[in-house]
Amino acid sequence: MNTDFRALAACVPVLLISIATSLGWAQTEVENGLIRTLYFDSSCSLFVSSMDEQHGASSLSKINNRFDDYQLFDGLTYPLITTQTTNGREVRFNLEAVEFNVQLDPEIFKRY
């Protein structure tokens, strides 16, 4: 499947104004009957959010991941903001930059 990323980038402002007026979705059983639901903006196929069921220590939890502020990096579209909500608690991850093929110093992986 060939994806025209310029076309995806063109629909990003629509996604940012409102979380898609029409969402496509796919649902699958991941393990032990637990369900994962993926939501896509059907106008441009961007991944908008996911909902996962997960066994917690004492009950079943629902984990919602929302992806926002898509930007283009080297021809690929990435969400700069990921918001994860679990049992009413929200954690937000903000990317400041996306770099590809960066050389890493092996020293950062050494254990002391």
N, C-alpha and C. Protein backbone atom coordinates (compact mmCIF):
# COMPACT_ATOMS: atom_id res chain seq x y z
N MET A 1 0.83 -1.18 0.00
CA MET A 1 0.00 0.00 0.00
C MET A 1 0.88 1.24 0.00
N ASN A 2 0.72 2.11 -0.95
CA ASN A 2 1.45 3.37 -1.00
C ASN A 2 0.63 4.46 -0.34
N THR A 3 1.26 5.19 0.57
CA THR A 3 0.58 6.27 1.26
C THR A 3 1.19 7.58 0.82
N ASP A 4 0.34 8.52 0.43
CA ASP A 4 0.80 9.85 0.06
C ASP A 4 0.82 10.70 1.33
N PHE A 5 2.00 10.88 1.93
CA PHE A 5 2.09 11.59 3.19
C PHE A 5 1.75 13.07 3.04
N ARG A 6 1.91 13.62 1.83
CA ARG A 6 1.49 15.01 1.62
C ARG A 6 0.00 15.13 1.81
N ALA A 7 -0.75 14.13 1.36
CA ALA A 7 -2.20 14.14 1.55
C ALA A 7 -2.55 14.02 3.03
N LEU A 8 -1.79 13.20 3.78
CA LEU A 8 -2.03 13.08 5.21
C LEU A 8 -1.77 14.41 5.90
N ALA A 9 -0.68 15.05 5.54
CA ALA A 9 -0.34 16.33 6.17
C ALA A 9 -1.40 17.38 5.88
N ALA A 10 -2.02 17.30 4.71
CA ALA A 10 -3.05 18.27 4.34
C ALA A 10 -4.27 18.17 5.24
N CYS A 11 -4.55 17.01 5.80
CA CYS A 11 -5.74 16.86 6.63
C CYS A 11 -5.46 17.10 8.10
N VAL A 12 -4.21 17.32 8.49
CA VAL A 12 -3.88 17.50 9.90
C VAL A 12 -4.63 18.67 10.52
N PRO A 13 -4.74 19.86 9.89
CA PRO A 13 -5.48 20.94 10.53
C PRO A 13 -6.93 20.56 10.87
N VAL A 14 -7.56 19.77 10.02
CA VAL A 14 -8.92 19.32 10.30
C VAL A 14 -8.93 18.48 11.55
N LEU A 15 -7.95 17.59 11.71
CA LEU A 15 -7.85 16.73 12.87
C LEU A 15 -7.63 17.55 14.13
N LEU A 16 -6.83 18.62 14.05
CA LEU A 16 -6.51 19.41 15.23
C LEU A 16 -7.68 20.30 15.66
N ILE A 17 -8.50 20.72 14.72
CA ILE A 17 -9.64 21.57 15.06
C ILE A 17 -10.67 20.78 15.85
N SER A 18 -10.97 19.58 15.41
CA SER A 18 -11.86 18.71 16.17
C SER A 18 -11.40 17.29 15.93
N ILE A 19 -11.52 16.47 16.92
CA ILE A 19 -11.05 15.09 16.79
C ILE A 19 -11.97 14.37 15.81
N ALA A 20 -11.79 14.65 14.57
CA ALA A 20 -12.45 13.96 13.47
C ALA A 20 -13.96 13.92 13.58
N THR A 21 -14.61 14.31 12.53
CA THR A 21 -16.07 14.26 12.53
C THR A 21 -16.56 12.85 12.26
N SER A 22 -15.78 12.06 11.56
CA SER A 22 -16.17 10.67 11.35
C SER A 22 -14.95 9.78 11.58
N LEU A 23 -15.10 8.85 12.50
CA LEU A 23 -14.00 7.96 12.85
C LEU A 23 -14.25 6.57 12.31
N GLY A 24 -13.21 6.00 11.74
CA GLY A 24 -13.24 4.59 11.41
C GLY A 24 -12.61 3.84 12.57
N TRP A 25 -12.95 2.60 12.76
CA TRP A 25 -12.38 1.87 13.88
C TRP A 25 -12.19 0.41 13.54
N ALA A 26 -11.30 -0.21 14.26
CA ALA A 26 -11.05 -1.65 14.12
C ALA A 26 -10.94 -2.20 15.54
N GLN A 27 -11.45 -3.40 15.73
CA GLN A 27 -11.44 -4.00 17.06
C GLN A 27 -10.88 -5.41 16.95
N THR A 28 -10.06 -5.78 17.93
CA THR A 28 -9.48 -7.11 17.92
C THR A 28 -9.35 -7.64 19.34
N GLU A 29 -9.38 -8.94 19.47
CA GLU A 29 -9.14 -9.57 20.76
C GLU A 29 -7.64 -9.78 20.87
N VAL A 30 -7.02 -9.24 21.94
CA VAL A 30 -5.57 -9.33 22.06
C VAL A 30 -5.12 -10.52 22.89
N GLU A 31 -5.76 -10.80 24.01
CA GLU A 31 -5.42 -11.98 24.80
C GLU A 31 -6.50 -12.18 25.86
N ASN A 32 -6.78 -13.43 26.16
CA ASN A 32 -7.75 -13.78 27.20
C ASN A 32 -9.07 -13.02 27.10
N GLY A 33 -9.51 -12.77 25.87
CA GLY A 33 -10.78 -12.09 25.68
C GLY A 33 -10.72 -10.59 25.82
N LEU A 34 -9.54 -10.02 26.09
CA LEU A 34 -9.41 -8.57 26.21
C LEU A 34 -9.49 -7.93 24.82
N ILE A 35 -10.05 -6.73 24.77
CA ILE A 35 -10.32 -6.08 23.49
C ILE A 35 -9.43 -4.85 23.31
N ARG A 36 -8.92 -4.67 22.09
CA ARG A 36 -8.20 -3.45 21.69
C ARG A 36 -8.99 -2.83 20.54
N THR A 37 -9.31 -1.55 20.70
CA THR A 37 -10.03 -0.82 19.66
C THR A 37 -9.15 0.32 19.17
N LEU A 38 -8.97 0.41 17.86
CA LEU A 38 -8.17 1.45 17.24
C LEU A 38 -9.09 2.38 16.47
N TYR A 39 -8.91 3.69 16.62
CA TYR A 39 -9.74 4.68 15.95
C TYR A 39 -8.89 5.48 14.96
N PHE A 40 -9.42 5.67 13.76
CA PHE A 40 -8.73 6.40 12.69
C PHE A 40 -9.63 7.50 12.16
N ASP A 41 -9.03 8.62 11.77
CA ASP A 41 -9.78 9.66 11.09
C ASP A 41 -10.05 9.15 9.68
N SER A 42 -11.31 8.90 9.36
CA SER A 42 -11.61 8.27 8.08
C SER A 42 -11.41 9.20 6.90
N SER A 43 -11.22 10.51 7.13
CA SER A 43 -10.97 11.41 6.00
C SER A 43 -9.52 11.36 5.55
N CYS A 44 -8.58 10.97 6.45
CA CYS A 44 -7.17 10.97 6.05
C CYS A 44 -6.38 9.80 6.62
N SER A 45 -7.03 8.89 7.34
CA SER A 45 -6.43 7.65 7.86
C SER A 45 -5.43 7.85 8.99
N LEU A 46 -5.39 9.03 9.61
CA LEU A 46 -4.49 9.21 10.75
C LEU A 46 -5.02 8.44 11.95
N PHE A 47 -4.11 7.88 12.72
CA PHE A 47 -4.41 7.15 13.94
C PHE A 47 -4.76 8.17 15.02
N VAL A 48 -6.00 8.18 15.49
CA VAL A 48 -6.48 9.19 16.42
C VAL A 48 -6.38 8.73 17.87
N SER A 49 -6.80 7.48 18.15
CA SER A 49 -6.75 7.00 19.52
C SER A 49 -6.88 5.49 19.56
N SER A 50 -6.61 4.95 20.75
CA SER A 50 -6.81 3.53 20.97
C SER A 50 -7.41 3.33 22.35
N MET A 51 -8.15 2.26 22.51
CA MET A 51 -8.74 1.89 23.80
C MET A 51 -8.37 0.45 24.05
N ASP A 52 -7.69 0.19 25.18
CA ASP A 52 -7.27 -1.16 25.53
C ASP A 52 -7.88 -1.56 26.86
N GLU A 53 -8.23 -2.83 26.97
CA GLU A 53 -8.61 -3.40 28.25
C GLU A 53 -7.39 -4.11 28.79
N GLN A 54 -7.16 -3.98 30.11
CA GLN A 54 -6.00 -4.61 30.72
C GLN A 54 -6.37 -5.03 32.14
N HIS A 55 -5.91 -6.22 32.51
CA HIS A 55 -6.14 -6.68 33.88
C HIS A 55 -5.23 -5.93 34.82
N GLY A 56 -5.82 -5.26 35.81
CA GLY A 56 -5.04 -4.58 36.84
C GLY A 56 -4.88 -5.50 38.03
N ALA A 57 -4.39 -4.94 39.11
CA ALA A 57 -4.17 -5.74 40.32
C ALA A 57 -5.47 -6.29 40.88
N SER A 58 -6.55 -5.50 40.79
CA SER A 58 -7.81 -5.96 41.37
C SER A 58 -9.00 -5.92 40.42
N SER A 59 -8.82 -5.31 39.26
CA SER A 59 -9.97 -5.20 38.35
C SER A 59 -9.50 -4.99 36.91
N LEU A 60 -10.47 -4.92 36.02
CA LEU A 60 -10.20 -4.66 34.61
C LEU A 60 -10.09 -3.15 34.41
N SER A 61 -9.01 -2.70 33.78
CA SER A 61 -8.80 -1.28 33.51
C SER A 61 -9.00 -1.01 32.03
N LYS A 62 -9.46 0.19 31.72
CA LYS A 62 -9.51 0.65 30.34
C LYS A 62 -8.49 1.75 30.18
N ILE A 63 -7.64 1.59 29.18
CA ILE A 63 -6.57 2.54 28.91
C ILE A 63 -6.86 3.21 27.57
N ASN A 64 -6.98 4.54 27.60
CA ASN A 64 -7.25 5.29 26.39
C ASN A 64 -6.00 6.09 26.03
N ASN A 65 -5.51 5.92 24.80
CA ASN A 65 -4.39 6.70 24.27
C ASN A 65 -4.93 7.60 23.16
N ARG A 66 -4.68 8.92 23.28
CA ARG A 66 -5.11 9.87 22.26
C ARG A 66 -3.86 10.50 21.64
N PHE A 67 -3.86 10.63 20.32
CA PHE A 67 -2.70 11.14 19.58
C PHE A 67 -3.08 12.46 18.90
N ASP A 68 -2.30 13.52 19.17
CA ASP A 68 -2.61 14.86 18.67
C ASP A 68 -1.37 15.55 18.12
N ASP A 69 -1.61 16.68 17.50
CA ASP A 69 -0.57 17.56 16.96
C ASP A 69 0.38 16.82 16.02
N TYR A 70 -0.19 16.24 14.98
CA TYR A 70 0.62 15.54 13.99
C TYR A 70 1.46 16.53 13.19
N GLN A 71 2.73 16.19 13.00
CA GLN A 71 3.62 17.00 12.17
C GLN A 71 4.47 16.10 11.29
N LEU A 72 4.97 16.68 10.22
CA LEU A 72 5.75 15.95 9.23
C LEU A 72 7.24 16.04 9.56
N PHE A 73 7.93 14.89 9.59
CA PHE A 73 9.37 14.81 9.80
C PHE A 73 9.96 13.91 8.73
N ASP A 74 10.81 14.46 7.89
CA ASP A 74 11.43 13.69 6.81
C ASP A 74 10.41 12.89 6.02
N GLY A 75 9.26 13.49 5.75
CA GLY A 75 8.24 12.84 4.94
C GLY A 75 7.34 11.87 5.69
N LEU A 76 7.52 11.73 7.01
CA LEU A 76 6.68 10.84 7.82
C LEU A 76 5.90 11.65 8.84
N THR A 77 4.65 11.28 9.06
CA THR A 77 3.78 12.02 9.96
C THR A 77 3.77 11.37 11.34
N TYR A 78 4.06 12.17 12.38
CA TYR A 78 4.11 11.67 13.76
C TYR A 78 3.26 12.56 14.67
N PRO A 79 2.60 11.95 15.67
CA PRO A 79 1.91 12.78 16.67
C PRO A 79 2.93 13.28 17.71
N LEU A 80 2.93 14.57 17.97
CA LEU A 80 3.85 15.11 18.96
C LEU A 80 3.29 15.01 20.38
N ILE A 81 1.98 14.82 20.49
CA ILE A 81 1.36 14.71 21.81
C ILE A 81 0.61 13.39 21.91
N THR A 82 0.92 12.62 22.94
CA THR A 82 0.18 11.40 23.27
C THR A 82 -0.34 11.57 24.69
N THR A 83 -1.64 11.41 24.84
CA THR A 83 -2.26 11.52 26.16
C THR A 83 -2.84 10.16 26.52
N GLN A 84 -2.40 9.62 27.65
CA GLN A 84 -2.87 8.31 28.10
C GLN A 84 -3.71 8.50 29.36
N THR A 85 -4.93 7.97 29.33
CA THR A 85 -5.82 8.05 30.48
C THR A 85 -6.14 6.64 30.95
N THR A 86 -5.86 6.39 32.23
CA THR A 86 -6.14 5.09 32.86
C THR A 86 -6.86 5.35 34.17
N ASN A 87 -8.06 4.81 34.27
CA ASN A 87 -8.85 4.96 35.51
C ASN A 87 -8.92 6.42 35.97
N GLY A 88 -9.12 7.33 35.03
CA GLY A 88 -9.27 8.74 35.36
C GLY A 88 -7.97 9.50 35.55
N ARG A 89 -6.85 8.81 35.53
CA ARG A 89 -5.55 9.48 35.66
C ARG A 89 -4.96 9.72 34.28
N GLU A 90 -4.54 10.95 34.05
CA GLU A 90 -4.05 11.32 32.72
C GLU A 90 -2.54 11.60 32.77
N VAL A 91 -1.84 11.05 31.78
CA VAL A 91 -0.40 11.30 31.60
C VAL A 91 -0.24 11.79 30.17
N ARG A 92 0.53 12.86 30.02
CA ARG A 92 0.72 13.44 28.68
C ARG A 92 2.20 13.37 28.31
N PHE A 93 2.47 12.84 27.12
CA PHE A 93 3.83 12.74 26.58
C PHE A 93 3.95 13.75 25.45
N ASN A 94 4.95 14.62 25.53
CA ASN A 94 5.18 15.64 24.50
C ASN A 94 6.52 15.40 23.83
N LEU A 95 6.51 15.17 22.53
CA LEU A 95 7.76 15.08 21.77
C LEU A 95 8.16 16.49 21.35
N GLU A 96 9.41 16.80 21.49
CA GLU A 96 9.90 18.10 21.06
C GLU A 96 10.56 18.02 19.69
N ALA A 97 11.08 16.85 19.35
CA ALA A 97 11.75 16.68 18.07
C ALA A 97 11.75 15.20 17.70
N VAL A 98 11.85 14.95 16.41
CA VAL A 98 11.98 13.59 15.90
C VAL A 98 13.20 13.58 15.00
N GLU A 99 14.15 12.70 15.30
CA GLU A 99 15.36 12.58 14.49
C GLU A 99 15.54 11.13 14.09
N PHE A 100 16.04 10.90 12.90
CA PHE A 100 16.24 9.56 12.39
C PHE A 100 17.72 9.26 12.24
N ASN A 101 18.09 7.97 12.44
CA ASN A 101 19.46 7.49 12.23
C ASN A 101 20.50 8.29 12.99
N VAL A 102 20.19 8.61 14.23
CA VAL A 102 21.11 9.36 15.07
C VAL A 102 22.11 8.38 15.69
N GLN A 103 23.39 8.73 15.65
CA GLN A 103 24.41 7.90 16.26
C GLN A 103 24.37 8.10 17.78
N LEU A 104 24.27 6.99 18.51
CA LEU A 104 24.24 7.05 19.97
C LEU A 104 25.58 6.58 20.52
N ASP A 105 26.03 7.24 21.56
CA ASP A 105 27.26 6.86 22.22
C ASP A 105 27.00 5.60 23.04
N PRO A 106 27.71 4.50 22.80
CA PRO A 106 27.51 3.25 23.55
C PRO A 106 27.67 3.43 25.06
N GLU A 107 28.36 4.45 25.51
CA GLU A 107 28.57 4.71 26.93
C GLU A 107 27.24 4.91 27.67
N ILE A 108 26.23 5.42 26.99
CA ILE A 108 24.97 5.69 27.69
C ILE A 108 24.25 4.41 28.08
N PHE A 109 24.66 3.26 27.52
CA PHE A 109 24.01 1.99 27.83
C PHE A 109 24.77 1.16 28.86
N LYS A 110 25.91 1.66 29.30
CA LYS A 110 26.72 0.91 30.28
C LYS A 110 26.07 0.98 31.66
N ARG A 111 26.14 -0.15 32.37
CA ARG A 111 25.66 -0.19 33.74
C ARG A 111 26.84 -0.01 34.69
N TYR A 112 26.61 0.72 35.72
CA TYR A 112 27.69 0.99 36.69
C TYR A 112 27.37 0.37 38.01
